[in-house]
Protein backbone atom coordinates (compact mmCIF):
# COMPACT_ATOMS: atom_id res chain seq x y z
CA UNK A 1 -138.21 -114.87 -121.98
CA UNK A 2 -137.51 -116.48 -118.48
CA UNK A 3 -133.70 -116.98 -118.20
CA UNK A 4 -132.49 -120.20 -116.62
CA UNK A 5 -129.49 -119.70 -114.24
CA UNK A 6 -127.60 -123.13 -114.10
CA UNK A 7 -124.53 -122.97 -111.79
CA UNK A 8 -121.88 -121.28 -113.63
CA UNK A 9 -118.52 -123.36 -113.91
CA UNK A 10 -115.31 -122.62 -115.78
CA UNK A 11 -115.54 -126.36 -117.09
CA UNK A 12 -119.34 -126.20 -117.97
CA UNK A 13 -120.19 -128.54 -120.77
CA UNK A 14 -122.87 -128.24 -123.34
CA UNK A 15 -124.56 -131.19 -125.24
CA UNK A 16 -126.29 -130.39 -128.30
CA UNK A 17 -128.72 -133.02 -129.80
CA UNK A 18 -129.15 -133.14 -133.50
CA UNK A 19 -126.88 -131.84 -136.28
CA UNK A 20 -128.95 -129.38 -138.07
CA UNK A 21 -128.50 -125.63 -138.53
CA UNK A 22 -130.05 -124.94 -134.93
CA UNK A 23 -127.40 -126.95 -133.11
CA UNK A 24 -124.59 -125.68 -135.23
CA UNK A 25 -125.84 -122.12 -134.58
CA UNK A 26 -126.10 -123.00 -131.00
CA UNK A 27 -122.59 -124.21 -130.67
CA UNK A 28 -121.34 -120.80 -132.41
CA UNK A 29 -123.42 -118.71 -130.02
CA UNK A 30 -121.94 -120.71 -127.01
CA UNK A 31 -118.55 -119.93 -128.07
CA UNK A 32 -118.88 -116.36 -129.48
CA UNK A 33 -121.42 -115.00 -126.90
CA UNK A 34 -121.13 -117.28 -124.02
CA UNK A 35 -117.28 -117.80 -123.83
CA UNK A 36 -117.80 -121.67 -123.65
CA UNK A 37 -114.63 -123.37 -125.02
CA UNK A 38 -115.25 -125.26 -128.16
CA UNK A 39 -113.82 -128.43 -126.60
CA UNK A 40 -116.55 -128.40 -123.84
CA UNK A 41 -119.37 -128.55 -126.64
CA UNK A 42 -120.54 -132.09 -128.05
CA UNK A 43 -122.76 -132.18 -130.74
CA UNK A 44 -124.67 -135.57 -131.21
CA UNK A 45 -126.03 -136.46 -134.53
CA UNK A 46 -127.73 -139.88 -135.53
CA UNK A 47 -126.72 -139.78 -139.05
CA UNK A 48 -123.26 -139.34 -140.41
CA UNK A 49 -123.90 -135.91 -141.98
CA UNK A 50 -124.32 -132.42 -140.49
CA UNK A 51 -126.78 -129.76 -141.85
CA UNK A 52 -130.04 -131.39 -141.16
CA UNK A 53 -132.58 -129.96 -143.67
CA UNK A 54 -129.93 -127.76 -145.14
CA UNK A 55 -128.54 -130.50 -147.21
CA UNK A 56 -126.69 -130.95 -150.51
CA UNK A 57 -124.95 -134.14 -151.67
CA UNK A 58 -124.24 -136.38 -154.76
CA UNK A 59 -122.11 -136.05 -157.67
CA UNK A 60 -122.48 -135.57 -161.56
CA UNK A 61 -122.26 -139.49 -162.11
CA UNK A 62 -125.01 -140.53 -159.84
CA UNK A 63 -126.76 -137.17 -159.68
CA UNK A 64 -127.07 -134.46 -157.10
CA UNK A 65 -129.61 -134.36 -154.39
CA UNK A 66 -131.31 -131.37 -152.63
CA UNK A 67 -134.14 -132.05 -150.45
CA UNK A 68 -135.08 -128.36 -150.50
CA UNK A 69 -133.77 -124.94 -150.52
CA UNK A 70 -134.81 -122.31 -147.94
CA UNK A 71 -135.24 -118.68 -149.11
CA UNK A 72 -133.31 -115.91 -147.50
CA UNK A 73 -134.27 -112.14 -147.32
CA UNK A 74 -132.55 -109.21 -145.84
CA UNK A 75 -134.66 -109.11 -142.53
CA UNK A 76 -133.33 -112.49 -141.44
CA UNK A 77 -131.52 -110.59 -138.66
CA UNK A 78 -130.42 -113.66 -136.39
CA UNK A 79 -129.11 -115.44 -139.67
CA UNK A 80 -127.09 -112.46 -140.82
CA UNK A 81 -125.82 -111.80 -137.26
CA UNK A 82 -124.56 -115.24 -136.86
CA UNK A 83 -122.94 -115.60 -140.25
CA UNK A 84 -121.52 -112.09 -139.81
CA UNK A 85 -119.16 -113.93 -137.63
CA UNK A 86 -118.34 -116.94 -139.82
CA UNK A 87 -115.60 -116.55 -142.59
CA UNK A 88 -116.27 -118.12 -145.96
CA UNK A 89 -114.37 -121.24 -146.83
CA UNK A 90 -111.60 -119.26 -148.55
CA UNK A 91 -111.42 -116.89 -145.52
CA UNK A 92 -111.76 -113.60 -147.83
CA UNK A 93 -114.86 -112.43 -146.13
CA UNK A 94 -117.82 -113.40 -143.81
CA UNK A 95 -120.75 -115.60 -145.18
CA UNK A 96 -123.04 -112.52 -144.65
CA UNK A 97 -120.81 -110.25 -146.59
CA UNK A 98 -120.71 -112.76 -149.55
CA UNK A 99 -124.27 -113.42 -149.57
CA UNK A 100 -125.29 -109.76 -149.60
CA UNK A 101 -122.53 -109.02 -152.25
CA UNK A 102 -123.77 -111.91 -154.34
CA UNK A 103 -127.43 -110.61 -154.25
CA UNK A 104 -126.37 -107.25 -155.43
CA UNK A 105 -124.71 -108.91 -158.30
CA UNK A 106 -127.60 -111.33 -159.25
CA UNK A 107 -130.85 -109.92 -157.80
CA UNK A 108 -133.99 -112.15 -158.03
CA UNK A 109 -136.30 -110.72 -160.57
CA UNK A 110 -138.82 -113.19 -162.03
CA UNK A 111 -139.88 -112.89 -165.56
CA UNK A 112 -142.11 -115.99 -165.53
CA UNK A 113 -143.33 -116.50 -161.99
CA UNK A 114 -146.33 -118.21 -163.33
CA UNK A 115 -146.34 -120.47 -166.52
CA UNK A 116 -150.07 -121.01 -167.52
CA UNK A 117 -150.97 -123.25 -170.38
CA UNK A 118 -147.44 -122.84 -171.97
CA UNK A 119 -147.56 -118.96 -171.55
CA UNK A 120 -145.33 -117.20 -169.08
CA UNK A 121 -146.92 -114.63 -166.88
CA UNK A 122 -144.56 -111.58 -166.07
CA UNK A 123 -145.54 -109.76 -162.92
CA UNK A 124 -148.93 -111.55 -162.81
CA UNK A 125 -151.94 -109.71 -161.22
CA UNK A 126 -152.95 -111.07 -157.79
CA UNK A 127 -156.53 -111.22 -158.87
CA UNK A 128 -157.93 -110.77 -155.29
CA UNK A 129 -161.39 -109.68 -154.78
CA UNK A 130 -162.23 -106.97 -152.28
CA UNK A 131 -163.48 -109.64 -150.16
CA UNK A 132 -160.25 -111.65 -150.25
CA UNK A 133 -158.38 -108.48 -149.28
CA UNK A 134 -160.59 -107.68 -146.41
CA UNK A 135 -160.05 -111.28 -145.01
CA UNK A 136 -156.33 -110.79 -145.41
CA UNK A 137 -156.48 -107.41 -143.42
CA UNK A 138 -158.63 -108.96 -140.88
CA UNK A 139 -156.33 -111.85 -140.38
CA UNK A 140 -153.33 -109.39 -140.04
CA UNK A 141 -154.85 -107.62 -137.06
CA UNK A 142 -156.65 -110.61 -135.14
CA UNK A 143 -154.97 -112.16 -132.21
CA UNK A 144 -153.70 -115.68 -132.72
CA UNK A 145 -155.94 -116.86 -129.79
CA UNK A 146 -159.04 -115.82 -131.85
CA UNK A 147 -158.00 -117.95 -134.84
CA UNK A 148 -157.40 -121.10 -132.80
CA UNK A 149 -156.95 -124.19 -134.74
CA UNK A 150 -158.98 -122.97 -137.70
CA UNK A 151 -157.59 -123.63 -141.01
CA UNK A 152 -156.84 -121.43 -144.16
CA UNK A 153 -159.77 -122.87 -145.82
CA UNK A 154 -162.07 -121.85 -143.11
CA UNK A 155 -161.10 -118.17 -143.41
CA UNK A 156 -161.57 -117.68 -147.09
CA UNK A 157 -164.08 -118.56 -149.63
CA UNK A 158 -163.28 -121.21 -152.23
CA UNK A 159 -162.51 -118.61 -154.91
CA UNK A 160 -159.45 -117.36 -153.10
CA UNK A 161 -157.72 -120.62 -153.83
CA UNK A 162 -157.89 -119.98 -157.59
CA UNK A 163 -156.34 -116.56 -157.52
CA UNK A 164 -152.72 -115.93 -158.66
CA UNK A 165 -152.07 -114.51 -155.22
CA UNK A 166 -152.65 -117.93 -153.63
CA UNK A 167 -150.64 -119.76 -156.27
CA UNK A 168 -147.66 -117.67 -155.72
CA UNK A 169 -148.09 -117.42 -151.99
CA UNK A 170 -148.76 -121.24 -151.51
CA UNK A 171 -145.95 -122.35 -153.68
CA UNK A 172 -143.27 -120.03 -152.33
CA UNK A 173 -143.99 -121.04 -148.76
CA UNK A 174 -145.53 -124.26 -149.22
CA UNK A 175 -149.00 -123.79 -147.71
CA UNK A 176 -152.05 -125.87 -148.21
CA UNK A 177 -155.66 -124.85 -147.58
CA UNK A 178 -155.84 -127.27 -144.74
CA UNK A 179 -152.88 -125.72 -142.85
CA UNK A 180 -153.33 -123.43 -139.81
CA UNK A 181 -154.63 -120.03 -140.31
CA UNK A 182 -152.29 -118.99 -137.37
CA UNK A 183 -149.22 -119.82 -139.23
CA UNK A 184 -150.75 -118.10 -142.53
CA UNK A 185 -151.30 -115.01 -140.58
CA UNK A 186 -147.71 -114.93 -139.18
CA UNK A 187 -146.47 -115.16 -142.79
CA UNK A 188 -148.66 -112.31 -143.90
CA UNK A 189 -147.40 -109.95 -141.24
CA UNK A 190 -143.79 -111.17 -141.29
CA UNK A 191 -143.32 -110.57 -144.89
CA UNK A 192 -145.64 -107.60 -145.47
CA UNK A 193 -142.61 -105.72 -146.76
CA UNK A 194 -142.29 -108.30 -149.59
CA UNK A 195 -145.94 -108.23 -150.76
CA UNK A 196 -145.23 -105.40 -153.07
CA UNK A 197 -142.67 -107.26 -155.32
CA UNK A 198 -144.00 -110.69 -154.75
CA UNK A 199 -145.08 -111.32 -158.25
CA UNK A 200 -141.56 -110.83 -159.41
CA UNK A 201 -139.88 -112.40 -156.22
CA UNK A 202 -138.20 -109.19 -155.51
CA UNK A 203 -136.20 -109.23 -152.17
CA UNK A 204 -135.72 -113.06 -152.07
CA UNK A 205 -132.01 -113.75 -151.63
CA UNK A 206 -129.97 -116.76 -152.45
CA UNK A 207 -126.58 -118.10 -151.47
CA UNK A 208 -123.81 -118.58 -154.14
CA UNK A 209 -124.03 -122.30 -153.88
CA UNK A 210 -126.57 -124.67 -152.27
CA UNK A 211 -127.09 -123.83 -148.53
CA UNK A 212 -125.04 -126.83 -147.43
CA UNK A 213 -122.03 -125.73 -149.44
CA UNK A 214 -122.53 -121.98 -148.63
CA UNK A 215 -123.59 -121.97 -145.08
CA UNK A 216 -123.10 -125.38 -143.42
CA UNK A 217 -119.57 -126.16 -144.57
CA UNK A 218 -118.24 -122.65 -143.37
CA UNK A 219 -119.92 -122.97 -140.05
CA UNK A 220 -118.69 -126.47 -139.50
CA UNK A 221 -115.28 -125.54 -140.47
CA UNK A 222 -115.28 -122.62 -137.87
CA UNK A 223 -116.51 -124.99 -135.15
CA UNK A 224 -113.91 -127.58 -136.03
CA UNK A 225 -111.14 -124.86 -135.56
CA UNK A 226 -112.45 -124.26 -132.14
CA UNK A 227 -112.36 -127.92 -131.01
CA UNK A 228 -116.15 -128.68 -130.95
CA UNK A 229 -116.77 -132.41 -130.54
CA UNK A 230 -119.00 -134.11 -133.20
CA UNK A 231 -120.31 -137.48 -132.54
CA UNK A 232 -122.04 -139.22 -135.42
CA UNK A 233 -124.22 -142.37 -135.90
CA UNK A 234 -125.65 -141.86 -132.55
CA UNK A 235 -129.37 -141.64 -131.73
CA UNK A 236 -130.46 -139.93 -128.46
CA UNK A 237 -133.56 -141.96 -127.42
CA UNK A 238 -134.42 -140.16 -124.15
CA UNK A 239 -133.34 -137.79 -121.43
CA UNK A 240 -133.31 -138.52 -117.74
CA UNK A 241 -134.78 -135.86 -115.67
CA UNK A 242 -134.45 -135.40 -112.12
CA UNK A 243 -135.58 -132.99 -109.54
CA UNK A 244 -138.95 -131.63 -108.15
CA UNK A 245 -141.58 -130.14 -110.12
CA UNK A 246 -140.48 -126.64 -111.20
CA UNK A 247 -136.80 -127.52 -111.04
CA UNK A 248 -136.15 -130.58 -113.05
CA UNK A 249 -132.85 -131.04 -114.74
CA UNK A 250 -131.26 -133.25 -117.34
CA UNK A 251 -129.05 -135.76 -115.58
CA UNK A 252 -128.66 -138.22 -118.31
CA UNK A 253 -128.69 -138.44 -122.08
CA UNK A 254 -129.57 -142.00 -123.32
CA UNK A 255 -128.13 -143.00 -126.70
CA UNK A 256 -128.16 -145.88 -129.24
CA UNK A 257 -125.10 -146.14 -131.37
CA UNK A 258 -125.68 -148.98 -133.81
CA UNK A 259 -127.95 -150.87 -131.51
CA UNK A 260 -125.64 -150.53 -128.46
CA UNK A 261 -127.31 -148.45 -125.67
CA UNK A 262 -125.40 -145.94 -123.99
CA UNK A 263 -125.54 -143.03 -121.44
CA UNK A 264 -123.89 -139.74 -121.19
CA UNK A 265 -123.87 -137.97 -117.77
CA UNK A 266 -124.79 -134.45 -117.38
CA UNK A 267 -123.29 -132.70 -114.40
CA UNK A 268 -124.61 -129.90 -112.31
CA UNK A 269 -124.10 -126.80 -114.46
CA UNK A 270 -123.89 -128.40 -117.67
CA UNK A 271 -126.61 -127.48 -120.38
CA UNK A 272 -128.49 -129.61 -122.86
CA UNK A 273 -129.97 -128.29 -126.14
CA UNK A 274 -132.22 -130.40 -128.16
CA UNK A 275 -133.38 -129.87 -131.76
CA UNK A 276 -137.15 -130.82 -131.40
CA UNK A 277 -138.61 -132.95 -134.15
CA UNK A 278 -137.74 -132.80 -137.79
CA UNK A 279 -139.52 -131.80 -140.93
CA UNK A 280 -137.16 -134.10 -143.13
CA UNK A 281 -137.44 -137.07 -140.84
CA UNK A 282 -138.22 -140.28 -142.80
CA UNK A 283 -137.20 -138.81 -146.17
CA UNK A 284 -136.42 -141.34 -148.87
CA UNK A 285 -134.97 -140.93 -152.39
CA UNK A 286 -136.06 -142.70 -155.68
CA UNK A 287 -134.18 -142.60 -158.86
CA UNK A 288 -134.73 -142.16 -162.57
CA UNK A 289 -136.61 -145.58 -162.68
CA UNK A 290 -137.61 -145.99 -159.02
CA UNK A 291 -140.26 -144.48 -156.61
CA UNK A 292 -139.32 -143.06 -153.19
CA UNK A 293 -141.10 -145.01 -150.51
CA UNK A 294 -143.26 -143.39 -147.91
CA UNK A 295 -142.03 -143.77 -144.40
CA UNK A 296 -143.44 -142.75 -141.01
CA UNK A 297 -142.37 -141.23 -137.65
CA UNK A 298 -140.70 -144.33 -136.38
CA UNK A 299 -138.11 -144.29 -139.14
CA UNK A 300 -135.74 -142.00 -137.35
CA UNK A 301 -135.17 -140.88 -133.87
CA UNK A 302 -136.32 -137.17 -133.85
CA UNK A 303 -139.94 -137.81 -133.31
CA UNK A 304 -139.58 -140.71 -130.90
CA UNK A 305 -137.30 -138.60 -128.74
CA UNK A 306 -139.95 -135.93 -128.66
CA UNK A 307 -142.75 -138.45 -127.87
CA UNK A 308 -140.43 -139.69 -125.07
CA UNK A 309 -139.89 -136.13 -123.57
CA UNK A 310 -143.53 -135.08 -123.71
CA UNK A 311 -145.09 -138.21 -122.16
CA UNK A 312 -146.85 -136.90 -119.09
CA UNK A 313 -145.14 -133.70 -119.30
CA UNK A 314 -147.32 -131.05 -120.73
CA UNK A 315 -144.64 -128.43 -120.93
CA UNK A 316 -142.93 -130.37 -123.69
CA UNK A 317 -145.88 -129.84 -126.01
CA UNK A 318 -147.95 -132.33 -128.10
CA UNK A 319 -145.97 -134.09 -130.87
CA UNK A 320 -148.80 -136.01 -132.18
CA UNK A 321 -150.39 -132.75 -133.44
CA UNK A 322 -147.47 -132.66 -135.99
CA UNK A 323 -146.59 -136.38 -136.63
CA UNK A 324 -149.88 -137.99 -137.00
CA UNK A 325 -151.33 -136.32 -140.36
CA UNK A 326 -148.92 -137.46 -142.88
CA UNK A 327 -151.32 -137.07 -145.74
CA UNK A 328 -151.59 -133.44 -144.88
CA UNK A 329 -147.76 -132.72 -144.31
CA UNK A 330 -146.10 -134.77 -147.31
CA UNK A 331 -144.78 -133.57 -150.68
CA UNK A 332 -142.21 -134.64 -153.21
CA UNK A 333 -139.18 -132.78 -154.29
CA UNK A 334 -136.71 -133.84 -157.06
CA UNK A 335 -133.36 -132.75 -158.06
CA UNK A 336 -132.38 -133.25 -161.86
CA UNK A 337 -128.75 -133.38 -162.94
CA UNK A 338 -128.32 -132.42 -166.67
CA UNK A 339 -125.53 -133.69 -168.88
CA UNK A 340 -126.74 -131.67 -171.76
CA UNK A 341 -127.27 -127.82 -171.99
CA UNK A 342 -130.54 -128.02 -173.86
CA UNK A 343 -132.89 -127.83 -171.00
CA UNK A 344 -131.33 -124.98 -169.15
CA UNK A 345 -130.93 -123.15 -172.62
CA UNK A 346 -134.48 -123.49 -173.49
CA UNK A 347 -135.79 -122.62 -169.97
CA UNK A 348 -133.62 -119.50 -170.20
CA UNK A 349 -134.99 -118.49 -173.54
CA UNK A 350 -138.57 -119.29 -172.64
CA UNK A 351 -138.64 -117.47 -169.12
CA UNK A 352 -136.39 -114.58 -170.12
CA UNK A 353 -134.27 -115.30 -166.81
CA UNK A 354 -130.65 -116.61 -166.70
CA UNK A 355 -130.02 -119.34 -164.20
CA UNK A 356 -130.21 -117.82 -160.57
CA UNK A 357 -132.32 -114.81 -161.59
CA UNK A 358 -135.79 -116.04 -161.85
CA UNK A 359 -136.47 -117.95 -158.66
CA UNK A 360 -139.53 -120.17 -158.57
CA UNK A 361 -141.53 -121.00 -161.60
CA UNK A 362 -144.93 -122.40 -160.88
CA UNK A 363 -147.51 -124.10 -163.18
CA UNK A 364 -150.75 -123.17 -161.83
CA UNK A 365 -152.74 -125.50 -163.89
CA UNK A 366 -150.56 -128.56 -162.91
CA UNK A 367 -152.51 -131.12 -161.09
CA UNK A 368 -149.53 -131.58 -158.94
CA UNK A 369 -149.04 -127.83 -158.31
CA UNK A 370 -145.53 -128.32 -159.43
CA UNK A 371 -142.74 -125.76 -159.42
CA UNK A 372 -139.17 -125.62 -160.48
CA UNK A 373 -136.25 -123.43 -159.49
CA UNK A 374 -133.11 -122.98 -161.82
CA UNK A 375 -130.35 -121.75 -159.64
CA UNK A 376 -127.01 -120.20 -160.78
CA UNK A 377 -124.65 -122.77 -162.14
CA UNK A 378 -122.58 -124.24 -160.62
CA UNK A 379 -124.92 -124.92 -157.55
CA UNK A 380 -122.43 -127.38 -155.90
CA UNK A 381 -118.75 -126.88 -155.13
CA UNK A 382 -116.91 -128.89 -157.83
CA UNK A 383 -119.82 -129.20 -160.21
CA UNK A 384 -118.34 -129.54 -163.75
CA UNK A 385 -119.00 -126.75 -166.16
CA UNK A 386 -120.76 -129.11 -168.63
CA UNK A 387 -123.11 -130.28 -165.94
CA UNK A 388 -126.51 -128.46 -164.80
CA UNK A 389 -128.70 -128.77 -161.68
CA UNK A 390 -132.17 -127.73 -161.01
CA UNK A 391 -134.75 -128.44 -158.35
CA UNK A 392 -138.46 -128.66 -158.14
CA UNK A 393 -141.52 -129.90 -156.08
CA UNK A 394 -145.19 -130.58 -156.09
CA UNK A 395 -147.75 -129.78 -153.44
CA UNK A 396 -150.53 -132.01 -154.57
CA UNK A 397 -148.62 -135.35 -154.73
CA UNK A 398 -151.64 -137.50 -154.69
CA UNK A 399 -153.34 -136.25 -157.77
CA UNK A 400 -152.74 -137.80 -161.32
CA UNK A 401 -150.22 -135.59 -163.57
CA UNK A 402 -151.58 -133.60 -166.52
CA UNK A 403 -149.13 -135.54 -168.93
CA UNK A 404 -148.33 -138.52 -166.79
CA UNK A 405 -151.48 -139.89 -165.50
CA UNK A 406 -150.10 -141.06 -162.25
CA UNK A 407 -149.79 -139.49 -158.81
CA UNK A 408 -146.55 -137.67 -158.24
CA UNK A 409 -146.13 -139.91 -155.16
CA UNK A 410 -146.10 -142.91 -157.50
CA UNK A 411 -143.67 -141.52 -160.30
CA UNK A 412 -140.11 -142.13 -160.89
CA UNK A 413 -137.87 -139.44 -161.80
CA UNK A 414 -138.24 -140.02 -165.48
CA UNK A 415 -141.99 -139.62 -165.12
CA UNK A 416 -141.51 -136.45 -163.08
CA UNK A 417 -139.34 -134.94 -165.79
CA UNK A 418 -141.79 -135.91 -168.46
CA UNK A 419 -144.52 -134.01 -166.71
CA UNK A 420 -142.32 -130.88 -166.27
CA UNK A 421 -141.23 -130.91 -170.10
CA UNK A 422 -145.03 -131.25 -170.73
CA UNK A 423 -145.82 -128.10 -168.78
CA UNK A 424 -143.08 -126.18 -170.68
CA UNK A 425 -144.26 -127.36 -173.93
CA UNK A 426 -140.86 -128.95 -174.72
CA UNK A 427 -141.69 -131.89 -177.09
CA UNK A 428 -139.19 -132.33 -180.02
CA UNK A 429 -136.12 -132.12 -177.53
CA UNK A 430 -137.77 -134.05 -174.67
CA UNK A 431 -136.27 -137.51 -175.52
CA UNK A 432 -132.81 -136.10 -175.71
CA UNK A 433 -133.12 -134.29 -172.61
CA UNK A 434 -134.34 -137.40 -170.73
CA UNK A 435 -131.59 -139.44 -172.17
CA UNK A 436 -129.07 -137.04 -170.61
CA UNK A 437 -130.80 -136.40 -167.18
CA UNK A 438 -130.72 -137.86 -163.75
CA UNK A 439 -133.89 -136.86 -161.82
CA UNK A 440 -133.92 -138.18 -158.15
CA UNK A 441 -137.37 -137.73 -156.38
CA UNK A 442 -137.49 -137.37 -152.69
CA UNK A 443 -140.60 -138.17 -150.46
CA UNK A 444 -140.84 -136.19 -147.34
CA UNK A 445 -143.67 -137.18 -145.10
CA UNK A 446 -143.36 -134.36 -142.45
CA UNK A 447 -142.11 -131.64 -144.62
CA UNK A 448 -144.87 -129.10 -143.90
CA UNK A 449 -145.94 -130.54 -140.59
CA UNK A 450 -144.92 -127.41 -138.72
CA UNK A 451 -147.82 -125.62 -140.61
CA UNK A 452 -150.56 -128.07 -139.26
CA UNK A 453 -153.29 -126.41 -137.16
CA UNK A 454 -152.36 -125.95 -133.64
CA UNK A 455 -153.16 -124.19 -130.48
CA UNK A 456 -151.09 -122.81 -127.41
CA UNK A 457 -149.08 -125.49 -125.82
CA UNK A 458 -148.81 -127.77 -128.89
CA UNK A 459 -145.24 -126.27 -129.39
CA UNK A 460 -143.22 -125.94 -126.20
CA UNK A 461 -141.33 -122.94 -125.12
CA UNK A 462 -137.62 -122.60 -126.03
CA UNK A 463 -136.73 -123.25 -122.08
CA UNK A 464 -139.53 -125.57 -121.00
CA UNK A 465 -141.33 -124.37 -117.86
CA UNK A 466 -139.98 -126.06 -114.87
CA UNK A 467 -136.61 -126.95 -116.32
CA UNK A 468 -133.22 -125.59 -115.23
CA UNK A 469 -130.62 -126.76 -117.93
CA UNK A 470 -132.56 -127.62 -120.93
CA UNK A 471 -133.29 -125.82 -124.08
CA UNK A 472 -135.46 -126.71 -127.15
CA UNK A 473 -134.64 -125.38 -130.82
CA UNK A 474 -135.71 -125.80 -134.29
CA UNK A 475 -139.05 -125.52 -136.02
CA UNK A 476 -141.27 -127.18 -133.42
CA UNK A 477 -140.69 -124.80 -130.38
CA UNK A 478 -142.72 -121.49 -129.77
CA UNK A 479 -141.09 -118.13 -130.59
CA UNK A 480 -143.53 -115.19 -130.82
CA UNK A 481 -143.98 -113.50 -134.20
CA UNK A 482 -141.53 -115.22 -136.33
CA UNK A 483 -142.24 -117.94 -138.85
CA UNK A 484 -141.31 -121.61 -139.09
CA UNK A 485 -140.07 -123.37 -142.34
CA UNK A 486 -137.17 -120.78 -142.40
CA UNK A 487 -133.38 -120.83 -141.48
CA UNK A 488 -134.02 -117.81 -139.53
CA UNK A 489 -136.55 -119.73 -137.10
CA UNK A 490 -133.91 -122.30 -136.36
CA UNK A 491 -131.26 -119.92 -135.69
CA UNK A 492 -133.23 -117.54 -133.60
CA UNK A 493 -134.47 -120.57 -131.41
CA UNK A 494 -130.85 -121.48 -130.85
CA UNK A 495 -129.87 -118.00 -130.02
CA UNK A 496 -132.68 -117.50 -127.54
CA UNK A 497 -131.96 -121.08 -125.98
CA UNK A 498 -128.23 -120.19 -125.42
CA UNK A 499 -128.76 -116.78 -124.14
CA UNK A 500 -131.64 -118.05 -121.82
CA UNK A 501 -129.62 -121.12 -120.42
CA UNK A 502 -126.25 -118.99 -119.84
CA UNK A 503 -128.37 -116.34 -118.18
CA UNK A 504 -126.79 -113.76 -120.51
CA UNK A 505 -128.25 -110.22 -120.28
CA UNK A 506 -129.25 -110.03 -123.86
CA UNK A 507 -131.68 -111.03 -126.38
CA UNK A 508 -131.83 -112.16 -130.15
CA UNK A 509 -132.37 -109.24 -132.53
CA UNK A 510 -136.08 -108.39 -132.43
CA UNK A 511 -138.19 -109.76 -135.31
CA UNK A 512 -138.66 -107.21 -138.07
CA UNK A 513 -142.11 -105.54 -137.82
CA UNK A 514 -142.81 -104.25 -141.17
CA UNK A 515 -146.51 -103.89 -140.22
CA UNK A 516 -145.72 -100.80 -138.25
CA UNK A 517 -144.12 -98.98 -141.26
CA UNK A 518 -146.69 -96.95 -143.10
CA UNK A 519 -144.76 -97.11 -146.32
CA UNK A 520 -144.71 -100.85 -146.25
CA UNK A 521 -148.36 -100.95 -145.66
CA UNK A 522 -149.07 -98.49 -148.44
CA UNK A 523 -147.13 -100.67 -150.83
CA UNK A 524 -148.78 -103.69 -149.69
CA UNK A 525 -152.20 -102.21 -150.11
CA UNK A 526 -151.42 -101.07 -153.78
CA UNK A 527 -150.06 -104.48 -154.63
CA UNK A 528 -153.07 -106.49 -153.08
CA UNK A 529 -155.27 -104.28 -155.21
CA UNK A 530 -153.23 -104.81 -158.26
CA UNK A 531 -152.30 -101.13 -158.38
CA UNK A 532 -148.36 -101.53 -158.35
CA UNK A 533 -146.44 -100.86 -161.34
CA UNK A 534 -145.61 -103.87 -163.81
């Protein structure tokens, strides 16, 4: 990584654009590793809430909402390095200590990873042919340059997409056949150490509460205590760049605050870090009896900012690769708040897993390719003991349901719950469960846009070539070896950007490379051939 070397000043200021985990992490790294005073750091967020895609909101009366939940695993070295410095809200330990201790107490071990025609499959066989396995092995060793913009579907024969391996892999990570083979390859290599336990979800880690309560709130508290300035309800519309080619610097940050244009001056020696794009931009919520609307890239500021930055500047990438294919990047998630214990009790008895133990339950014969997650209860700080919460999503949102003959994208929360109850074969109790449930669907038009086929240059470098004081973070910048759609990617990009802009003689922890461990490869080989123990 080329290190920028802006003029060092004791009063250097840092401006962070976007309020997601990347910016929050960058602020922490600036303070912890760069000795930048918190009061010299300003974070600018267009909404009134921090956390970005790591969200968690609502209440038991109107219903809780999670757009999604990112999985964690022990090899997220940047994430656990950061949160090893952040105390929990009660100050008794670090967030990293709490998370590892929690996952020792409640290990993920699914007994119903797939539910097919009403029957649970414990440790389902992958069902791969020798041809499928050879293709997986070929992808793992091919250079990304050879794969180019090819799709997963162009690498495998159609039978691959009917295997249990595909159903489990695609729903765990949210892949579609038309997504890029390059990103699919990265996942195969990055998570090679998890293949052997994949049909039981062994190794997947969760936080005690949802990730907003367990990660964002403690980090926000730590930053508040150090004087970081948070500017809300302010959209950054563009950056003013000055200087010659090869040495351009950000001199101005152009803003919009409730329709009033503004400008922030960036002095020599200051740095600017931008969270590029947003996978949850344009998200909309429905309700028990309402359908979420489908929005586009202009319904928020993230994509517009990237388009403005990239116009006539190839070093800033090509945002249109990720923004202009909503039909290939959208899906619907839903959060259900339960005021009756019947559903959670029935799912516990049916799956054999207590809440928080089973992880993702997928219905492979669902036309929506729907999945649900039953987390440990309570899932929200302050959630009443007599209230339950679970989350789910569907990948094929334009297909009619099996029990509700409508596309998921056109369904209310009540209809989505009816479909899930149908797949679980819950009939007698269905009306009572629905009567005491609040199901809130969420349409996310860009949620898997980072998986769309791409080629070199579509994603810009963390420090764009030819700039001196600008760093890019998040899911749409380029980091070798690591995988998008993870908390780890956002935090790694923040760490790389901060270290590079400050000219620190250090690098983020290297990406774990299980592909070089013979024990990992042997276990993965046995698993792919369905030779592992049940």
